[in-house]
Protein backbone atom coordinates (compact mmCIF):
# COMPACT_ATOMS: atom_id res chain seq x y z
CA ARG A 1 -54.42 109.93 39.46
CA THR A 2 -54.20 108.36 36.04
CA LEU A 3 -56.86 106.48 34.11
CA ARG A 4 -55.54 104.25 31.36
CA VAL A 5 -58.08 102.61 29.09
CA GLU A 6 -57.15 99.61 26.97
CA ASP A 7 -59.91 97.91 25.02
CA TYR A 8 -59.64 94.13 25.09
CA GLY A 9 -63.39 93.65 24.81
CA LYS A 10 -63.60 92.66 28.47
CA THR A 11 -65.22 94.18 31.53
CA ALA A 12 -62.35 94.39 33.99
CA ALA A 13 -60.19 96.98 35.69
CA ALA A 14 -56.73 96.91 37.20
CA PHE A 15 -55.98 99.11 40.19
CA VAL A 16 -52.37 99.97 40.97
CA ASP A 17 -50.84 101.33 44.16
CA THR A 18 -48.38 103.79 42.63
CA GLN A 19 -46.24 103.80 45.78
CA THR A 20 -45.68 100.04 45.98
CA GLY A 21 -46.43 98.95 42.40
CA ARG A 22 -48.84 96.29 43.66
CA ALA A 23 -51.78 95.75 41.31
CA LEU A 24 -55.15 94.03 41.52
CA ARG A 25 -57.43 93.09 38.64
CA VAL A 26 -61.17 93.13 39.31
CA ALA A 27 -63.52 91.37 36.89
CA PRO A 28 -67.08 90.05 37.02
CA ALA A 29 -67.37 86.45 38.22
CA LEU A 30 -67.60 84.11 35.24
CA ASP A 31 -71.07 82.89 36.21
CA ILE A 32 -72.41 86.20 37.55
CA ARG A 33 -75.41 86.30 35.19
CA GLN A 34 -76.54 82.82 36.20
CA ARG A 35 -76.04 83.58 39.91
CA ALA A 36 -78.14 86.74 39.59
CA TYR A 37 -81.35 84.78 39.04
CA ALA A 38 -81.15 83.33 42.55
CA TYR A 39 -81.35 86.89 43.91
CA ALA A 40 -84.34 87.90 41.76
CA PRO A 41 -86.30 84.67 41.20
CA ASN A 42 -89.61 86.43 40.54
CA GLU A 43 -88.31 88.70 37.78
CA PRO A 44 -88.87 86.99 34.38
CA ARG A 45 -86.91 89.55 32.38
CA HIS A 46 -83.21 88.70 32.35
CA TYR A 47 -81.88 92.25 32.32
CA PHE A 48 -84.09 93.40 35.19
CA ALA A 49 -83.30 90.29 37.22
CA GLN A 50 -79.61 91.01 36.81
CA MET A 51 -80.00 94.68 37.74
CA GLN A 52 -81.93 93.79 40.88
CA ALA A 53 -79.45 91.12 41.88
CA TYR A 54 -76.35 93.25 41.33
CA GLN A 55 -77.66 95.74 43.87
CA ILE A 56 -77.79 93.14 46.65
CA MET A 57 -75.25 90.45 45.75
CA PRO A 58 -72.18 90.31 48.01
CA ASP A 59 -69.04 91.64 46.31
CA GLU A 60 -67.26 88.30 46.63
CA GLU A 61 -70.01 86.63 44.56
CA MET A 62 -70.01 89.34 41.92
CA PHE A 63 -66.29 89.78 41.31
CA THR A 64 -63.03 87.94 41.03
CA VAL A 65 -60.03 89.81 42.39
CA THR A 66 -56.59 88.71 41.27
CA ARG A 67 -53.16 90.07 42.13
CA VAL A 68 -51.42 90.89 38.83
CA GLY A 69 -48.16 92.28 37.52
CA LEU A 70 -48.13 95.10 34.98
CA ALA A 71 -46.85 94.50 31.45
CA THR A 72 -45.95 98.22 31.26
CA SER A 73 -43.90 99.78 34.04
CA ILE A 74 -45.68 102.12 36.43
CA GLU A 75 -43.15 104.82 35.49
CA ALA A 76 -44.15 104.58 31.82
CA ILE A 77 -47.84 104.71 32.69
CA LEU A 78 -47.56 107.70 35.01
CA SER A 79 -44.75 109.54 33.24
CA ARG A 80 -43.82 112.80 34.90
CA PRO A 81 -46.70 115.02 36.03
CA CYS A 82 -47.17 118.58 34.79
CA LEU A 83 -45.43 118.09 31.44
CA ARG A 84 -47.61 119.66 28.77
CA VAL A 85 -47.18 120.54 25.10
CA ASN A 86 -49.63 121.35 22.32
CA CYS A 87 -50.10 119.36 19.12
CA ASP A 88 -48.87 121.28 16.07
CA VAL A 89 -51.79 119.95 13.99
CA CYS A 90 -54.93 120.02 16.13
CA GLY A 91 -53.68 122.38 18.83
CA GLU A 92 -54.90 120.20 21.71
CA GLU A 93 -52.86 119.80 24.86
CA ILE A 94 -50.81 116.63 25.28
CA MET A 95 -49.85 115.64 28.82
CA ASN A 96 -47.16 113.56 30.45
CA GLU A 97 -44.84 112.81 27.52
CA ARG A 98 -47.47 111.24 25.28
CA GLU A 99 -46.51 113.38 22.27
CA VAL A 100 -44.95 112.05 19.07
CA GLU A 101 -42.16 113.94 17.29
CA GLN A 102 -42.56 113.59 13.52
CA ASN A 103 -40.95 115.65 10.72
CA GLY A 104 -39.98 118.30 13.25
CA LEU A 105 -43.55 118.60 14.55
CA THR A 106 -44.95 117.80 17.95
CA LEU A 107 -48.08 115.70 17.41
CA CYS A 108 -50.69 114.01 19.57
CA ARG A 109 -51.04 110.30 18.90
CA ALA A 110 -54.32 110.81 17.05
CA CYS A 111 -52.75 113.23 14.56
CA ALA A 112 -49.57 111.17 14.24
CA HIS A 113 -51.12 107.74 13.79
CA GLY A 114 -54.85 108.30 13.41
CA GLY A 115 -57.24 107.95 16.28
CA TYR A 116 -60.60 106.46 17.03
CA TYR A 117 -62.13 109.70 15.75
CA GLN A 118 -61.37 112.21 13.02
CA SER A 119 -62.19 115.89 13.13
CA VAL A 120 -64.43 116.80 10.21
CA GLU A 121 -64.78 120.55 10.35
CA ARG A 122 -64.53 123.63 12.51
CA ASP A 123 -65.97 126.92 11.32
CA GLY A 124 -66.80 125.24 8.00
CA ILE A 125 -63.19 124.23 7.28
CA LEU A 126 -62.17 120.60 6.88
CA LEU A 127 -59.57 119.84 9.52
CA CYS A 128 -57.27 117.11 10.66
CA ALA A 129 -57.56 114.92 7.55
CA VAL A 130 -55.83 117.56 5.41
CA SER A 131 -53.64 118.91 8.22
CA GLN A 132 -52.63 115.44 9.31
CA GLU A 133 -51.64 114.40 5.79
CA ALA A 134 -49.59 117.58 5.40
CA ALA A 135 -47.85 117.02 8.73
CA LEU A 136 -46.98 113.44 7.86
CA GLN A 137 -45.45 114.60 4.57
CA GLY A 138 -43.49 117.37 6.29
CA ILE A 139 -45.55 120.18 4.69
CA PRO A 140 -45.96 123.13 7.11
């Protein structure tokens, strides 16, 4: 019910049973690229050999599956469903207690701390950069 993305520069995913808290981490086998060539020996192009092989390789050869424990509690990840507020700067909806209270304003994390993107304009008006600076300084 919840997708949490954390960029560590790796191709892996953790799946959590929210009822039991048990978690599994699935990642590509360390030597998956080398193994792929055995499944497509007549394909000279590396990328195409890998794509062909990945369609027929058994899962247990492609992936490592490891039982893991979460560094963040499942309660903190899931929060409480159906809690919604709107950011006082950008107006977007913030779900499940992910808002930040700053200078009496309710802000999304992007407006409070900067995000991986920055709004440039809407209807010809520069947004977010000016609004965010004002919010951080307590200017309405």
